[in-house]
């Protein structure tokens, strides 16, 4: 894990990390809203998945930057990958 990732994790753990939706571009916000709508309208299946700790840290950091839960981000990435 690099210094930036560790700083994000430390801030999250100390409740010092703040990201609002205003930090997102209007285009990115619309993509996230559309993805959320599409995923909320489908039947959901719970899965268990093992990923490298560093990958999960990167995903969580990216999700925090985008102002979305990390599981939503993972779902969005999977959805885009299988719809290509």
PDB file of N, CA and C in Angstrom:
ATOM      1  N   UNK A   1       0.853  -1.166   0.000  1.00  0.00           N
ATOM      2  CA  UNK A   1       0.000   0.000   0.000  1.00  0.00           C
ATOM      3  C   UNK A   1       0.904   1.235   0.000  1.00  0.00           C
ATOM      4  N   UNK A   2       0.587   2.220  -0.847  1.00  0.00           N
ATOM      5  CA  UNK A   2       1.418   3.421  -0.887  1.00  0.00           C
ATOM      6  C   UNK A   2       0.958   4.439   0.166  1.00  0.00           C
ATOM      7  N   UNK A   3       1.678   5.539   0.263  1.00  0.00           N
ATOM      8  CA  UNK A   3       1.393   6.539   1.297  1.00  0.00           C
ATOM      9  C   UNK A   3       0.013   7.165   1.142  1.00  0.00           C
ATOM     10  N   UNK A   4      -0.391   7.436  -0.103  1.00  0.00           N
ATOM     11  CA  UNK A   4      -1.704   8.046  -0.340  1.00  0.00           C
ATOM     12  C   UNK A   4      -2.832   7.114   0.113  1.00  0.00           C
ATOM     13  N   UNK A   5      -2.712   5.836  -0.232  1.00  0.00           N
ATOM     14  CA  UNK A   5      -3.729   4.864   0.179  1.00  0.00           C
ATOM     15  C   UNK A   5      -3.794   4.755   1.697  1.00  0.00           C
ATOM     16  N   UNK A   6      -2.633   4.719   2.333  1.00  0.00           N
ATOM     17  CA  UNK A   6      -2.612   4.624   3.791  1.00  0.00           C
ATOM     18  C   UNK A   6      -3.239   5.873   4.418  1.00  0.00           C
ATOM     19  N   UNK A   7      -2.972   7.039   3.836  1.00  0.00           N
ATOM     20  CA  UNK A   7      -3.557   8.276   4.352  1.00  0.00           C
ATOM     21  C   UNK A   7      -5.077   8.251   4.242  1.00  0.00           C
ATOM     22  N   UNK A   8      -5.590   7.725   3.122  1.00  0.00           N
ATOM     23  CA  UNK A   8      -7.043   7.629   2.947  1.00  0.00           C
ATOM     24  C   UNK A   8      -7.630   6.670   3.978  1.00  0.00           C
ATOM     25  N   UNK A   9      -6.991   5.526   4.151  1.00  0.00           N
ATOM     26  CA  UNK A   9      -7.486   4.546   5.117  1.00  0.00           C
ATOM     27  C   UNK A   9      -7.452   5.118   6.532  1.00  0.00           C
ATOM     28  N   UNK A  10      -6.360   5.791   6.882  1.00  0.00           N
ATOM     29  CA  UNK A  10      -6.259   6.408   8.214  1.00  0.00           C
ATOM     30  C   UNK A  10      -7.362   7.440   8.413  1.00  0.00           C
ATOM     31  N   UNK A  11      -7.603   8.262   7.400  1.00  0.00           N
ATOM     32  CA  UNK A  11      -8.648   9.279   7.503  1.00  0.00           C
ATOM     33  C   UNK A  11     -10.026   8.647   7.656  1.00  0.00           C
ATOM     34  N   UNK A  12     -10.275   7.575   6.907  1.00  0.00           N
ATOM     35  CA  UNK A  12     -11.563   6.877   7.009  1.00  0.00           C
ATOM     36  C   UNK A  12     -11.742   6.316   8.412  1.00  0.00           C
ATOM     37  N   UNK A  13     -10.703   5.660   8.920  1.00  0.00           N
ATOM     38  CA  UNK A  13     -10.787   5.050  10.246  1.00  0.00           C
ATOM     39  C   UNK A  13     -10.951   6.085  11.348  1.00  0.00           C
ATOM     40  N   UNK A  14     -10.445   7.311  11.137  1.00  0.00           N
ATOM     41  CA  UNK A  14     -10.551   8.376  12.136  1.00  0.00           C
ATOM     42  C   UNK A  14     -11.742   9.291  11.896  1.00  0.00           C
ATOM     43  N   UNK A  15     -12.611   8.905  10.959  1.00  0.00           N
ATOM     44  CA  UNK A  15     -13.783   9.715  10.597  1.00  0.00           C
ATOM     45  C   UNK A  15     -13.404  11.123  10.171  1.00  0.00           C
ATOM     46  N   UNK A  16     -12.244  11.278   9.542  1.00  0.00           N
ATOM     47  CA  UNK A  16     -11.782  12.581   9.076  1.00  0.00           C
ATOM     48  C   UNK A  16     -11.912  12.746   7.575  1.00  0.00           C
ATOM     49  N   UNK A  17     -12.346  11.713   6.874  1.00  0.00           N
ATOM     50  CA  UNK A  17     -12.396  11.759   5.417  1.00  0.00           C
ATOM     51  C   UNK A  17     -13.779  12.192   4.987  1.00  0.00           C
ATOM     52  N   UNK A  18     -13.850  13.297   4.275  1.00  0.00           N
ATOM     53  CA  UNK A  18     -15.136  13.827   3.848  1.00  0.00           C
ATOM     54  C   UNK A  18     -15.129  14.008   2.339  1.00  0.00           C
ATOM     55  N   UNK A  19     -16.099  13.421   1.670  1.00  0.00           N
ATOM     56  CA  UNK A  19     -16.285  13.608   0.237  1.00  0.00           C
ATOM     57  C   UNK A  19     -17.775  13.790   0.017  1.00  0.00           C
ATOM     58  N   UNK A  20     -18.123  14.844  -0.644  1.00  0.00           N
ATOM     59  CA  UNK A  20     -19.529  15.091  -0.937  1.00  0.00           C
ATOM     60  C   UNK A  20     -19.819  14.879  -2.406  1.00  0.00           C
ATOM     61  N   UNK A  21     -21.080  14.795  -2.731  1.00  0.00           N
ATOM     62  CA  UNK A  21     -21.455  14.615  -4.127  1.00  0.00           C
ATOM     63  C   UNK A  21     -21.068  15.827  -4.957  1.00  0.00           C
ATOM     64  N   UNK A  22     -20.900  16.986  -4.307  1.00  0.00           N
ATOM     65  CA  UNK A  22     -20.515  18.182  -5.049  1.00  0.00           C
ATOM     66  C   UNK A  22     -19.114  18.047  -5.643  1.00  0.00           C
ATOM     67  N   UNK A  23     -18.319  17.104  -5.136  1.00  0.00           N
ATOM     68  CA  UNK A  23     -16.973  16.886  -5.671  1.00  0.00           C
ATOM     69  C   UNK A  23     -17.013  16.155  -7.009  1.00  0.00           C
ATOM     70  N   UNK A  24     -18.171  15.621  -7.388  1.00  0.00           N
ATOM     71  CA  UNK A  24     -18.290  14.866  -8.637  1.00  0.00           C
ATOM     72  C   UNK A  24     -18.752  15.769  -9.770  1.00  0.00           C
ATOM     73  N   UNK A  25     -18.288  15.463 -10.970  1.00  0.00           N
ATOM     74  CA  UNK A  25     -18.786  16.197 -12.135  1.00  0.00           C
ATOM     75  C   UNK A  25     -20.238  15.787 -12.372  1.00  0.00           C
ATOM     76  N   UNK A  26     -20.969  16.626 -13.061  1.00  0.00           N
ATOM     77  CA  UNK A  26     -22.377  16.303 -13.320  1.00  0.00           C
ATOM     78  C   UNK A  26     -22.503  15.048 -14.173  1.00  0.00           C
ATOM     79  N   UNK A  27     -21.532  14.847 -15.086  1.00  0.00           N
ATOM     80  CA  UNK A  27     -21.566  13.649 -15.927  1.00  0.00           C
ATOM     81  C   UNK A  27     -21.353  12.395 -15.088  1.00  0.00           C
ATOM     82  N   UNK A  28     -20.353  12.421 -14.182  1.00  0.00           N
ATOM     83  CA  UNK A  28     -20.065  11.258 -13.339  1.00  0.00           C
ATOM     84  C   UNK A  28     -21.239  10.971 -12.405  1.00  0.00           C
ATOM     85  N   UNK A  29     -21.835  12.035 -11.863  1.00  0.00           N
ATOM     86  CA  UNK A  29     -22.982  11.871 -10.973  1.00  0.00           C
ATOM     87  C   UNK A  29     -24.141  11.214 -11.717  1.00  0.00           C
ATOM     88  N   UNK A  30     -24.361  11.592 -12.960  1.00  0.00           N
ATOM     89  CA  UNK A  30     -25.442  10.984 -13.745  1.00  0.00           C
ATOM     90  C   UNK A  30     -25.159   9.517 -14.031  1.00  0.00           C
ATOM     91  N   UNK A  31     -23.910   9.176 -14.333  1.00  0.00           N
ATOM     92  CA  UNK A  31     -23.536   7.771 -14.540  1.00  0.00           C
ATOM     93  C   UNK A  31     -23.818   6.969 -13.276  1.00  0.00           C
ATOM     94  N   UNK A  32     -23.433   7.496 -12.129  1.00  0.00           N
ATOM     95  CA  UNK A  32     -23.666   6.786 -10.869  1.00  0.00           C
ATOM     96  C   UNK A  32     -25.150   6.640 -10.571  1.00  0.00           C
ATOM     97  N   UNK A  33     -25.921   7.682 -10.837  1.00  0.00           N
ATOM     98  CA  UNK A  33     -27.371   7.599 -10.612  1.00  0.00           C
ATOM     99  C   UNK A  33     -28.008   6.551 -11.520  1.00  0.00           C
ATOM    100  N   UNK A  34     -27.605   6.543 -12.781  1.00  0.00           N
ATOM    101  CA  UNK A  34     -28.141   5.561 -13.728  1.00  0.00           C
ATOM    102  C   UNK A  34     -27.772   4.143 -13.308  1.00  0.00           C
ATOM    103  N   UNK A  35     -26.518   3.955 -12.925  1.00  0.00           N
ATOM    104  CA  UNK A  35     -26.074   2.636 -12.463  1.00  0.00           C
ATOM    105  C   UNK A  35     -26.858   2.204 -11.239  1.00  0.00           C
ATOM    106  N   UNK A  36     -27.042   3.113 -10.303  1.00  0.00           N
ATOM    107  CA  UNK A  36     -27.796   2.788  -9.085  1.00  0.00           C
ATOM    108  C   UNK A  36     -29.231   2.401  -9.428  1.00  0.00           C
ATOM    109  N   UNK A  37     -29.863   3.179 -10.326  1.00  0.00           N
ATOM    110  CA  UNK A  37     -31.238   2.855 -10.713  1.00  0.00           C
ATOM    111  C   UNK A  37     -31.323   1.483 -11.358  1.00  0.00           C
ATOM    112  N   UNK A  38     -30.385   1.203 -12.267  1.00  0.00           N
ATOM    113  CA  UNK A  38     -30.393  -0.079 -12.972  1.00  0.00           C
ATOM    114  C   UNK A  38     -30.156  -1.242 -12.027  1.00  0.00           C
ATOM    115  N   UNK A  39     -29.271  -1.082 -11.087  1.00  0.00           N
ATOM    116  CA  UNK A  39     -28.977  -2.188 -10.183  1.00  0.00           C
ATOM    117  C   UNK A  39     -30.055  -2.364  -9.129  1.00  0.00           C
ATOM    118  N   UNK A  40     -30.726  -1.301  -8.758  1.00  0.00           N
ATOM    119  CA  UNK A  40     -31.772  -1.405  -7.738  1.00  0.00           C
ATOM    120  C   UNK A  40     -33.011  -2.101  -8.295  1.00  0.00           C
ATOM    121  N   UNK A  41     -33.184  -2.080  -9.602  1.00  0.00           N
ATOM    122  CA  UNK A  41     -34.378  -2.661 -10.207  1.00  0.00           C
ATOM    123  C   UNK A  41     -34.237  -4.144 -10.519  1.00  0.00           C
ATOM    124  N   UNK A  42     -33.093  -4.717 -10.225  1.00  0.00           N
ATOM    125  CA  UNK A  42     -32.875  -6.120 -10.520  1.00  0.00           C
ATOM    126  C   UNK A  42     -32.870  -6.940  -9.239  1.00  0.00           C
ATOM    127  N   UNK A  43     -33.242  -8.204  -9.378  1.00  0.00           N
ATOM    128  CA  UNK A  43     -33.141  -9.115  -8.244  1.00  0.00           C
ATOM    129  C   UNK A  43     -31.667  -9.262  -7.890  1.00  0.00           C
ATOM    130  N   UNK A  44     -31.362  -9.257  -6.627  1.00  0.00           N
ATOM    131  CA  UNK A  44     -29.980  -9.295  -6.164  1.00  0.00           C
ATOM    132  C   UNK A  44     -29.631 -10.684  -5.641  1.00  0.00           C
ATOM    133  N   UNK A  45     -28.393 -11.099  -5.877  1.00  0.00           N
ATOM    134  CA  UNK A  45     -27.874 -12.355  -5.357  1.00  0.00           C
ATOM    135  C   UNK A  45     -26.613 -12.054  -4.574  1.00  0.00           C
ATOM    136  N   UNK A  46     -26.550 -12.550  -3.360  1.00  0.00           N
ATOM    137  CA  UNK A  46     -25.379 -12.350  -2.518  1.00  0.00           C
ATOM    138  C   UNK A  46     -24.279 -13.319  -2.942  1.00  0.00           C
ATOM    139  N   UNK A  47     -23.049 -12.802  -3.040  1.00  0.00           N
ATOM    140  CA  UNK A  47     -21.906 -13.653  -3.347  1.00  0.00           C
ATOM    141  C   UNK A  47     -20.796 -13.384  -2.340  1.00  0.00           C
ATOM    142  N   UNK A  48     -19.878 -14.301  -2.277  1.00  0.00           N
ATOM    143  CA  UNK A  48     -18.678 -14.118  -1.463  1.00  0.00           C
ATOM    144  C   UNK A  48     -17.498 -14.145  -2.419  1.00  0.00           C
ATOM    145  N   UNK A  49     -16.595 -13.218  -2.257  1.00  0.00           N
ATOM    146  CA  UNK A  49     -15.499 -13.085  -3.203  1.00  0.00           C
ATOM    147  C   UNK A  49     -14.225 -12.724  -2.449  1.00  0.00           C
ATOM    148  N   UNK A  50     -13.166 -13.448  -2.704  1.00  0.00           N
ATOM    149  CA  UNK A  50     -11.877 -13.141  -2.093  1.00  0.00           C
ATOM    150  C   UNK A  50     -11.052 -12.334  -3.082  1.00  0.00           C
ATOM    151  N   UNK A  51     -10.577 -11.175  -2.635  1.00  0.00           N
ATOM    152  CA  UNK A  51      -9.739 -10.312  -3.475  1.00  0.00           C
ATOM    153  C   UNK A  51      -8.496  -9.925  -2.688  1.00  0.00           C
ATOM    154  N   UNK A  52      -7.427  -9.608  -3.368  1.00  0.00           N
ATOM    155  CA  UNK A  52      -6.243  -9.156  -2.656  1.00  0.00           C
ATOM    156  C   UNK A  52      -6.550  -7.899  -1.832  1.00  0.00           C
ATOM    157  N   UNK A  53      -5.979  -7.827  -0.665  1.00  0.00           N
ATOM    158  CA  UNK A  53      -6.217  -6.703   0.239  1.00  0.00           C
ATOM    159  C   UNK A  53      -5.884  -5.372  -0.430  1.00  0.00           C
ATOM    160  N   UNK A  54      -4.807  -5.345  -1.208  1.00  0.00           N
ATOM    161  CA  UNK A  54      -4.419  -4.094  -1.865  1.00  0.00           C
ATOM    162  C   UNK A  54      -5.470  -3.659  -2.894  1.00  0.00           C
ATOM    163  N   UNK A  55      -6.064  -4.616  -3.615  1.00  0.00           N
ATOM    164  CA  UNK A  55      -7.124  -4.275  -4.570  1.00  0.00           C
ATOM    165  C   UNK A  55      -8.325  -3.682  -3.847  1.00  0.00           C
ATOM    166  N   UNK A  56      -8.694  -4.285  -2.729  1.00  0.00           N
ATOM    167  CA  UNK A  56      -9.831  -3.773  -1.971  1.00  0.00           C
ATOM    168  C   UNK A  56      -9.536  -2.372  -1.443  1.00  0.00           C
ATOM    169  N   UNK A  57      -8.325  -2.134  -0.995  1.00  0.00           N
ATOM    170  CA  UNK A  57      -7.948  -0.794  -0.532  1.00  0.00           C
ATOM    171  C   UNK A  57      -8.073   0.224  -1.653  1.00  0.00           C
ATOM    172  N   UNK A  58      -7.612  -0.156  -2.854  1.00  0.00           N
ATOM    173  CA  UNK A  58      -7.741   0.741  -4.006  1.00  0.00           C
ATOM    174  C   UNK A  58      -9.208   1.008  -4.330  1.00  0.00           C
ATOM    175  N   UNK A  59     -10.023  -0.040  -4.298  1.00  0.00           N
ATOM    176  CA  UNK A  59     -11.452   0.122  -4.580  1.00  0.00           C
ATOM    177  C   UNK A  59     -12.120   1.038  -3.565  1.00  0.00           C
ATOM    178  N   UNK A  60     -11.799   0.843  -2.299  1.00  0.00           N
ATOM    179  CA  UNK A  60     -12.395   1.687  -1.253  1.00  0.00           C
ATOM    180  C   UNK A  60     -11.958   3.135  -1.400  1.00  0.00           C
ATOM    181  N   UNK A  61     -10.699   3.345  -1.723  1.00  0.00           N
ATOM    182  CA  UNK A  61     -10.210   4.711  -1.912  1.00  0.00           C
ATOM    183  C   UNK A  61     -10.904   5.364  -3.102  1.00  0.00           C
ATOM    184  N   UNK A  62     -11.038   4.627  -4.197  1.00  0.00           N
ATOM    185  CA  UNK A  62     -11.721   5.171  -5.375  1.00  0.00           C
ATOM    186  C   UNK A  62     -13.175   5.476  -5.058  1.00  0.00           C
ATOM    187  N   UNK A  63     -13.834   4.574  -4.351  1.00  0.00           N
ATOM    188  CA  UNK A  63     -15.232   4.790  -3.977  1.00  0.00           C
ATOM    189  C   UNK A  63     -15.381   6.039  -3.114  1.00  0.00           C
ATOM    190  N   UNK A  64     -14.461   6.240  -2.191  1.00  0.00           N
ATOM    191  CA  UNK A  64     -14.520   7.430  -1.347  1.00  0.00           C
ATOM    192  C   UNK A  64     -14.336   8.695  -2.186  1.00  0.00           C
ATOM    193  N   UNK A  65     -13.423   8.660  -3.138  1.00  0.00           N
ATOM    194  CA  UNK A  65     -13.219   9.825  -4.010  1.00  0.00           C
ATOM    195  C   UNK A  65     -14.474  10.133  -4.814  1.00  0.00           C
ATOM    196  N   UNK A  66     -15.200   9.084  -5.195  1.00  0.00           N
ATOM    197  CA  UNK A  66     -16.400   9.261  -6.014  1.00  0.00           C
ATOM    198  C   UNK A  66     -17.664   9.447  -5.180  1.00  0.00           C
ATOM    199  N   UNK A  67     -17.540   9.271  -3.878  1.00  0.00           N
ATOM    200  CA  UNK A  67     -18.689   9.499  -3.006  1.00  0.00           C
ATOM    201  C   UNK A  67     -19.742   8.422  -3.069  1.00  0.00           C
ATOM    202  N   UNK A  68     -19.313   7.170  -3.319  1.00  0.00           N
ATOM    203  CA  UNK A  68     -20.251   6.051  -3.366  1.00  0.00           C
ATOM    204  C   UNK A  68     -19.751   4.934  -2.465  1.00  0.00           C
ATOM    205  N   UNK A  69     -20.627   4.071  -1.992  1.00  0.00           N
ATOM    206  CA  UNK A  69     -20.168   2.903  -1.233  1.00  0.00           C
ATOM    207  C   UNK A  69     -19.302   2.005  -2.111  1.00  0.00           C
ATOM    208  N   UNK A  70     -18.301   1.375  -1.521  1.00  0.00           N
ATOM    209  CA  UNK A  70     -17.381   0.572  -2.329  1.00  0.00           C
ATOM    210  C   UNK A  70     -18.072  -0.624  -2.975  1.00  0.00           C
ATOM    211  N   UNK A  71     -19.084  -1.190  -2.340  1.00  0.00           N
ATOM    212  CA  UNK A  71     -19.783  -2.313  -2.948  1.00  0.00           C
ATOM    213  C   UNK A  71     -20.562  -1.868  -4.189  1.00  0.00           C
ATOM    214  N   UNK A  72     -21.071  -0.651  -4.160  1.00  0.00           N
ATOM    215  CA  UNK A  72     -21.748  -0.093  -5.334  1.00  0.00           C
ATOM    216  C   UNK A  72     -20.754   0.076  -6.472  1.00  0.00           C
ATOM    217  N   UNK A  73     -19.562   0.557  -6.147  1.00  0.00           N
ATOM    218  CA  UNK A  73     -18.524   0.708  -7.162  1.00  0.00           C
ATOM    219  C   UNK A  73     -18.146  -0.643  -7.757  1.00  0.00           C
ATOM    220  N   UNK A  74     -17.956  -1.648  -6.922  1.00  0.00           N
ATOM    221  CA  UNK A  74     -17.615  -2.989  -7.409  1.00  0.00           C
ATOM    222  C   UNK A  74     -18.723  -3.510  -8.327  1.00  0.00           C
ATOM    223  N   UNK A  75     -19.958  -3.329  -7.910  1.00  0.00           N
ATOM    224  CA  UNK A  75     -21.086  -3.777  -8.722  1.00  0.00           C
ATOM    225  C   UNK A  75     -21.104  -3.062 -10.069  1.00  0.00           C
ATOM    226  N   UNK A  76     -20.816  -1.769 -10.066  1.00  0.00           N
ATOM    227  CA  UNK A  76     -20.780  -0.995 -11.296  1.00  0.00           C
ATOM    228  C   UNK A  76     -19.684  -1.499 -12.232  1.00  0.00           C
ATOM    229  N   UNK A  77     -18.502  -1.770 -11.676  1.00  0.00           N
ATOM    230  CA  UNK A  77     -17.385  -2.279 -12.478  1.00  0.00           C
ATOM    231  C   UNK A  77     -17.734  -3.635 -13.089  1.00  0.00           C
ATOM    232  N   UNK A  78     -18.326  -4.512 -12.288  1.00  0.00           N
ATOM    233  CA  UNK A  78     -18.722  -5.838 -12.797  1.00  0.00           C
ATOM    234  C   UNK A  78     -19.777  -5.699 -13.899  1.00  0.00           C
ATOM    235  N   UNK A  79     -20.747  -4.834 -13.659  1.00  0.00           N
ATOM    236  CA  UNK A  79     -21.812  -4.647 -14.635  1.00  0.00           C
ATOM    237  C   UNK A  79     -21.247  -4.167 -15.974  1.00  0.00           C
ATOM    238  N   UNK A  80     -20.366  -3.164 -15.919  1.00  0.00           N
ATOM    239  CA  UNK A  80     -19.763  -2.662 -17.150  1.00  0.00           C
ATOM    240  C   UNK A  80     -18.966  -3.734 -17.867  1.00  0.00           C
ATOM    241  N   UNK A  81     -18.245  -4.558 -17.102  1.00  0.00           N
ATOM    242  CA  UNK A  81     -17.418  -5.594 -17.703  1.00  0.00           C
ATOM    243  C   UNK A  81     -18.246  -6.662 -18.425  1.00  0.00           C
ATOM    244  N   UNK A  82     -19.358  -7.058 -17.840  1.00  0.00           N
ATOM    245  CA  UNK A  82     -20.143  -8.128 -18.459  1.00  0.00           C
ATOM    246  C   UNK A  82     -21.066  -7.609 -19.568  1.00  0.00           C
ATOM    247  N   UNK A  83     -21.286  -6.307 -19.623  1.00  0.00           N
ATOM    248  CA  UNK A  83     -22.172  -5.749 -20.644  1.00  0.00           C
ATOM    249  C   UNK A  83     -21.416  -5.332 -21.901  1.00  0.00           C
ATOM    250  N   UNK A  84     -20.097  -5.493 -21.925  1.00  0.00           N
ATOM    251  CA  UNK A  84     -19.316  -5.113 -23.119  1.00  0.00           C
ATOM    252  C   UNK A  84     -19.559  -6.070 -24.246  1.00  0.00           C
TER     253      UNK A  84
END
